[in-house]
Amino acid sequence: MEKMIIFLPVIIFFGIFLLLVIGFFVFIGKLFIKGKNQAWIGEVIEKVVFEKKDDDTRRVSRLLSFKVRLENGEVHSIPATVEFYNATKVGDKLEKKKGELWPKKIS
């Protein structure tokens, strides 16, 4: 009985922690699946560079993205790699097919 009193709070703590970890991975999995299930075609209307400066290390990191107007009129911000960002111009058409993670340039 004494062991139960000592270990019960530890068991409850780890049980709650395990539920939080499982919930986190389920959430990330749903976001991943949602992204792969999307399909759209749109036109690049703006190229965006966001610079973030780290005060401690004095490093500047750049986040590259596109503003894309989809066929239904919605405007979305799409992250991009350096190579894809440099190869794409304003006015280019992008297509994101269902099952793929990233869009591709179609014109």
N, C-alpha and C. Protein backbone atom coordinates (compact mmCIF):
# COMPACT_ATOMS: atom_id res chain seq x y z
N MET A 1 0.82 -1.19 0.00
CA MET A 1 0.00 0.00 0.00
C MET A 1 0.86 1.25 0.00
N GLU A 2 2.00 1.22 0.74
CA GLU A 2 2.88 2.38 0.79
C GLU A 2 3.51 2.65 -0.58
N LYS A 3 3.85 1.59 -1.30
CA LYS A 3 4.42 1.76 -2.64
C LYS A 3 3.42 2.41 -3.58
N MET A 4 2.15 2.05 -3.43
CA MET A 4 1.10 2.63 -4.26
C MET A 4 0.97 4.11 -4.01
N ILE A 5 1.06 4.53 -2.76
CA ILE A 5 0.94 5.94 -2.40
C ILE A 5 2.13 6.72 -2.95
N ILE A 6 3.30 6.12 -2.96
CA ILE A 6 4.51 6.79 -3.44
C ILE A 6 4.51 6.88 -4.97
N PHE A 7 4.17 5.79 -5.64
CA PHE A 7 4.31 5.75 -7.09
C PHE A 7 3.08 6.24 -7.86
N LEU A 8 1.94 6.38 -7.22
CA LEU A 8 0.73 6.81 -7.92
C LEU A 8 0.88 8.20 -8.55
N PRO A 9 1.41 9.21 -7.86
CA PRO A 9 1.60 10.51 -8.52
C PRO A 9 2.55 10.44 -9.71
N VAL A 10 3.58 9.61 -9.61
CA VAL A 10 4.54 9.46 -10.71
C VAL A 10 3.85 8.82 -11.92
N ILE A 11 3.05 7.80 -11.66
CA ILE A 11 2.32 7.13 -12.74
C ILE A 11 1.33 8.08 -13.39
N ILE A 12 0.63 8.87 -12.59
CA ILE A 12 -0.32 9.85 -13.14
C ILE A 12 0.41 10.89 -13.97
N PHE A 13 1.55 11.40 -13.48
CA PHE A 13 2.32 12.39 -14.22
C PHE A 13 2.75 11.85 -15.58
N PHE A 14 3.34 10.66 -15.60
CA PHE A 14 3.80 10.10 -16.87
C PHE A 14 2.64 9.74 -17.78
N GLY A 15 1.50 9.37 -17.21
CA GLY A 15 0.32 9.10 -18.04
C GLY A 15 -0.16 10.36 -18.74
N ILE A 16 -0.23 11.47 -18.00
CA ILE A 16 -0.64 12.74 -18.61
C ILE A 16 0.39 13.20 -19.64
N PHE A 17 1.67 13.06 -19.32
CA PHE A 17 2.74 13.43 -20.25
C PHE A 17 2.63 12.61 -21.54
N LEU A 18 2.39 11.33 -21.42
CA LEU A 18 2.25 10.47 -22.59
C LEU A 18 1.05 10.88 -23.44
N LEU A 19 -0.05 11.24 -22.81
CA LEU A 19 -1.22 11.72 -23.56
C LEU A 19 -0.91 13.01 -24.32
N LEU A 20 -0.17 13.91 -23.71
CA LEU A 20 0.21 15.15 -24.39
C LEU A 20 1.12 14.88 -25.59
N VAL A 21 2.07 13.98 -25.44
CA VAL A 21 2.98 13.63 -26.54
C VAL A 21 2.20 12.99 -27.68
N ILE A 22 1.32 12.07 -27.37
CA ILE A 22 0.51 11.42 -28.40
C ILE A 22 -0.39 12.45 -29.09
N GLY A 23 -1.00 13.35 -28.32
CA GLY A 23 -1.83 14.40 -28.91
C GLY A 23 -1.05 15.29 -29.84
N PHE A 24 0.19 15.63 -29.48
CA PHE A 24 1.04 16.46 -30.33
C PHE A 24 1.30 15.77 -31.66
N PHE A 25 1.68 14.50 -31.63
CA PHE A 25 1.97 13.78 -32.86
C PHE A 25 0.73 13.57 -33.72
N VAL A 26 -0.42 13.39 -33.12
CA VAL A 26 -1.66 13.28 -33.87
C VAL A 26 -1.96 14.61 -34.58
N PHE A 27 -1.76 15.72 -33.88
CA PHE A 27 -1.97 17.05 -34.46
C PHE A 27 -1.04 17.29 -35.65
N ILE A 28 0.24 16.98 -35.50
CA ILE A 28 1.21 17.16 -36.59
C ILE A 28 0.85 16.24 -37.76
N GLY A 29 0.43 15.03 -37.48
CA GLY A 29 0.03 14.11 -38.55
C GLY A 29 -1.17 14.62 -39.32
N LYS A 30 -2.14 15.20 -38.63
CA LYS A 30 -3.32 15.75 -39.31
C LYS A 30 -2.93 16.92 -40.20
N LEU A 31 -2.03 17.79 -39.72
CA LEU A 31 -1.57 18.91 -40.55
C LEU A 31 -0.85 18.41 -41.79
N PHE A 32 -0.03 17.39 -41.64
CA PHE A 32 0.72 16.81 -42.76
C PHE A 32 -0.24 16.22 -43.79
N ILE A 33 -1.22 15.47 -43.34
CA ILE A 33 -2.19 14.85 -44.25
C ILE A 33 -3.04 15.91 -44.93
N LYS A 34 -3.43 16.94 -44.20
CA LYS A 34 -4.22 18.03 -44.79
C LYS A 34 -3.44 18.70 -45.91
N GLY A 35 -2.14 18.95 -45.69
CA GLY A 35 -1.31 19.57 -46.71
C GLY A 35 -1.17 18.70 -47.95
N LYS A 36 -1.03 17.40 -47.76
CA LYS A 36 -0.89 16.51 -48.92
C LYS A 36 -2.20 16.35 -49.68
N ASN A 37 -3.35 16.54 -49.04
CA ASN A 37 -4.63 16.36 -49.70
C ASN A 37 -5.10 17.60 -50.45
N GLN A 38 -4.37 18.70 -50.33
CA GLN A 38 -4.76 19.91 -51.05
C GLN A 38 -4.29 19.86 -52.50
N ALA A 39 -5.08 20.46 -53.37
CA ALA A 39 -4.70 20.62 -54.77
C ALA A 39 -5.19 21.99 -55.21
N TRP A 40 -4.30 22.73 -55.89
CA TRP A 40 -4.68 24.05 -56.35
C TRP A 40 -3.77 24.51 -57.48
N ILE A 41 -4.23 25.52 -58.20
CA ILE A 41 -3.44 26.20 -59.23
C ILE A 41 -3.56 27.69 -58.95
N GLY A 42 -2.43 28.40 -59.01
CA GLY A 42 -2.47 29.82 -58.73
C GLY A 42 -1.34 30.56 -59.42
N GLU A 43 -1.41 31.89 -59.33
CA GLU A 43 -0.41 32.75 -59.95
C GLU A 43 0.35 33.51 -58.87
N VAL A 44 1.67 33.58 -59.02
CA VAL A 44 2.50 34.31 -58.07
C VAL A 44 2.25 35.80 -58.27
N ILE A 45 1.81 36.48 -57.20
CA ILE A 45 1.55 37.92 -57.30
C ILE A 45 2.60 38.75 -56.56
N GLU A 46 3.38 38.08 -55.69
CA GLU A 46 4.41 38.80 -54.95
C GLU A 46 5.43 37.81 -54.40
N LYS A 47 6.70 38.21 -54.44
CA LYS A 47 7.76 37.44 -53.80
C LYS A 47 8.12 38.17 -52.50
N VAL A 48 8.17 37.43 -51.40
CA VAL A 48 8.37 38.04 -50.08
C VAL A 48 9.63 37.48 -49.44
N VAL A 49 10.46 38.39 -48.90
CA VAL A 49 11.63 38.00 -48.11
C VAL A 49 11.46 38.60 -46.73
N PHE A 50 11.42 37.75 -45.73
CA PHE A 50 11.31 38.20 -44.35
C PHE A 50 12.63 37.90 -43.67
N GLU A 51 13.28 38.94 -43.17
CA GLU A 51 14.56 38.76 -42.49
C GLU A 51 14.35 38.79 -40.98
N LYS A 52 14.91 37.81 -40.33
CA LYS A 52 14.81 37.69 -38.87
C LYS A 52 16.22 37.77 -38.30
N LYS A 53 16.43 38.73 -37.40
CA LYS A 53 17.74 38.95 -36.81
C LYS A 53 17.78 38.39 -35.39
N ASP A 54 18.79 37.58 -35.12
CA ASP A 54 19.00 37.03 -33.78
C ASP A 54 19.94 37.96 -33.03
N ASP A 55 19.45 38.56 -31.95
CA ASP A 55 20.25 39.53 -31.22
C ASP A 55 21.45 38.90 -30.51
N ASP A 56 21.33 37.65 -30.12
CA ASP A 56 22.43 37.00 -29.39
C ASP A 56 23.61 36.67 -30.30
N THR A 57 23.33 36.08 -31.46
CA THR A 57 24.41 35.64 -32.35
C THR A 57 24.65 36.62 -33.49
N ARG A 58 23.82 37.62 -33.65
CA ARG A 58 23.91 38.61 -34.72
C ARG A 58 23.75 38.00 -36.10
N ARG A 59 23.14 36.83 -36.16
CA ARG A 59 22.88 36.18 -37.45
C ARG A 59 21.55 36.63 -37.99
N VAL A 60 21.48 36.73 -39.31
CA VAL A 60 20.24 37.10 -39.98
C VAL A 60 19.78 35.89 -40.78
N SER A 61 18.57 35.44 -40.52
CA SER A 61 18.03 34.32 -41.31
C SER A 61 16.91 34.86 -42.19
N ARG A 62 16.83 34.35 -43.38
CA ARG A 62 15.84 34.80 -44.35
C ARG A 62 14.79 33.71 -44.55
N LEU A 63 13.54 34.13 -44.50
CA LEU A 63 12.42 33.25 -44.78
C LEU A 63 11.82 33.71 -46.11
N LEU A 64 11.80 32.82 -47.08
CA LEU A 64 11.32 33.14 -48.42
C LEU A 64 9.93 32.58 -48.63
N SER A 65 9.07 33.37 -49.28
CA SER A 65 7.73 32.88 -49.57
C SER A 65 7.15 33.63 -50.77
N PHE A 66 6.05 33.11 -51.26
CA PHE A 66 5.30 33.73 -52.35
C PHE A 66 3.90 34.05 -51.88
N LYS A 67 3.35 35.13 -52.39
CA LYS A 67 1.92 35.38 -52.27
C LYS A 67 1.33 34.85 -53.57
N VAL A 68 0.40 33.90 -53.46
CA VAL A 68 -0.17 33.24 -54.63
C VAL A 68 -1.68 33.46 -54.63
N ARG A 69 -2.20 33.95 -55.75
CA ARG A 69 -3.65 34.10 -55.91
C ARG A 69 -4.16 32.83 -56.60
N LEU A 70 -4.98 32.09 -55.87
CA LEU A 70 -5.54 30.85 -56.39
C LEU A 70 -6.65 31.14 -57.38
N GLU A 71 -7.07 30.11 -58.11
CA GLU A 71 -8.13 30.28 -59.11
C GLU A 71 -9.45 30.74 -58.51
N ASN A 72 -9.69 30.42 -57.25
CA ASN A 72 -10.94 30.84 -56.61
C ASN A 72 -10.85 32.24 -56.02
N GLY A 73 -9.72 32.93 -56.21
CA GLY A 73 -9.55 34.30 -55.77
C GLY A 73 -8.87 34.46 -54.42
N GLU A 74 -8.71 33.39 -53.69
CA GLU A 74 -8.04 33.47 -52.39
C GLU A 74 -6.55 33.73 -52.59
N VAL A 75 -5.94 34.44 -51.63
CA VAL A 75 -4.50 34.69 -51.66
C VAL A 75 -3.87 33.93 -50.50
N HIS A 76 -2.86 33.11 -50.83
CA HIS A 76 -2.18 32.31 -49.82
C HIS A 76 -0.69 32.63 -49.83
N SER A 77 -0.05 32.48 -48.68
CA SER A 77 1.39 32.62 -48.57
C SER A 77 2.00 31.23 -48.59
N ILE A 78 2.91 30.99 -49.53
CA ILE A 78 3.50 29.68 -49.73
C ILE A 78 5.00 29.77 -49.45
N PRO A 79 5.54 29.00 -48.50
CA PRO A 79 6.99 29.03 -48.24
C PRO A 79 7.75 28.44 -49.41
N ALA A 80 9.01 28.87 -49.57
CA ALA A 80 9.80 28.41 -50.71
C ALA A 80 11.25 28.17 -50.31
N THR A 81 11.90 27.25 -51.00
CA THR A 81 13.34 27.05 -50.85
C THR A 81 14.04 28.13 -51.67
N VAL A 82 15.33 28.29 -51.43
CA VAL A 82 16.10 29.31 -52.14
C VAL A 82 16.10 29.05 -53.64
N GLU A 83 16.29 27.79 -54.04
CA GLU A 83 16.34 27.44 -55.47
C GLU A 83 14.99 27.72 -56.15
N PHE A 84 13.91 27.31 -55.50
CA PHE A 84 12.58 27.51 -56.08
C PHE A 84 12.23 28.99 -56.12
N TYR A 85 12.62 29.72 -55.10
CA TYR A 85 12.37 31.17 -55.03
C TYR A 85 13.09 31.89 -56.17
N ASN A 86 14.36 31.54 -56.40
CA ASN A 86 15.14 32.18 -57.47
C ASN A 86 14.67 31.80 -58.86
N ALA A 87 14.10 30.61 -59.02
CA ALA A 87 13.66 30.14 -60.33
C ALA A 87 12.26 30.63 -60.70
N THR A 88 11.56 31.26 -59.77
CA THR A 88 10.18 31.66 -60.00
C THR A 88 10.07 33.18 -60.03
N LYS A 89 9.27 33.69 -60.97
CA LYS A 89 9.06 35.13 -61.10
C LYS A 89 7.60 35.46 -60.80
N VAL A 90 7.35 36.74 -60.53
CA VAL A 90 5.98 37.21 -60.38
C VAL A 90 5.27 36.99 -61.72
N GLY A 91 4.08 36.42 -61.68
CA GLY A 91 3.32 36.11 -62.89
C GLY A 91 3.38 34.65 -63.28
N ASP A 92 4.33 33.89 -62.72
CA ASP A 92 4.42 32.46 -63.00
C ASP A 92 3.24 31.73 -62.37
N LYS A 93 2.83 30.66 -63.01
CA LYS A 93 1.75 29.81 -62.48
C LYS A 93 2.36 28.66 -61.70
N LEU A 94 1.76 28.39 -60.55
CA LEU A 94 2.16 27.27 -59.71
C LEU A 94 1.01 26.29 -59.59
N GLU A 95 1.36 25.00 -59.52
CA GLU A 95 0.34 23.97 -59.33
C GLU A 95 0.78 23.05 -58.20
N LYS A 96 -0.13 22.84 -57.26
CA LYS A 96 0.09 21.90 -56.17
C LYS A 96 -0.88 20.75 -56.38
N LYS A 97 -0.34 19.58 -56.70
CA LYS A 97 -1.18 18.41 -56.95
C LYS A 97 -1.44 17.67 -55.64
N LYS A 98 -2.57 17.00 -55.59
CA LYS A 98 -2.94 16.21 -54.43
C LYS A 98 -1.91 15.09 -54.25
N GLY A 99 -1.46 14.91 -53.03
CA GLY A 99 -0.47 13.87 -52.73
C GLY A 99 0.95 14.38 -52.70
N GLU A 100 1.18 15.60 -53.22
CA GLU A 100 2.53 16.17 -53.18
C GLU A 100 2.60 17.20 -52.06
N LEU A 101 3.80 17.41 -51.53
CA LEU A 101 3.96 18.37 -50.44
C LEU A 101 4.16 19.80 -50.94
N TRP A 102 4.81 19.96 -52.07
CA TRP A 102 5.19 21.29 -52.55
C TRP A 102 4.64 21.55 -53.96
N PRO A 103 4.33 22.80 -54.27
CA PRO A 103 3.88 23.14 -55.62
C PRO A 103 5.03 23.13 -56.61
N LYS A 104 4.67 23.07 -57.89
CA LYS A 104 5.65 23.11 -58.98
C LYS A 104 5.25 24.21 -59.95
N LYS A 105 6.25 24.77 -60.61
CA LYS A 105 6.02 25.83 -61.59
C LYS A 105 5.52 25.19 -62.89
N ILE A 106 4.42 25.73 -63.43
CA ILE A 106 3.87 25.18 -64.67
C ILE A 106 4.02 26.14 -65.84
N SER A 107 4.37 27.40 -65.58
CA SER A 107 4.65 28.34 -66.69
C SER A 107 5.46 29.50 -66.19
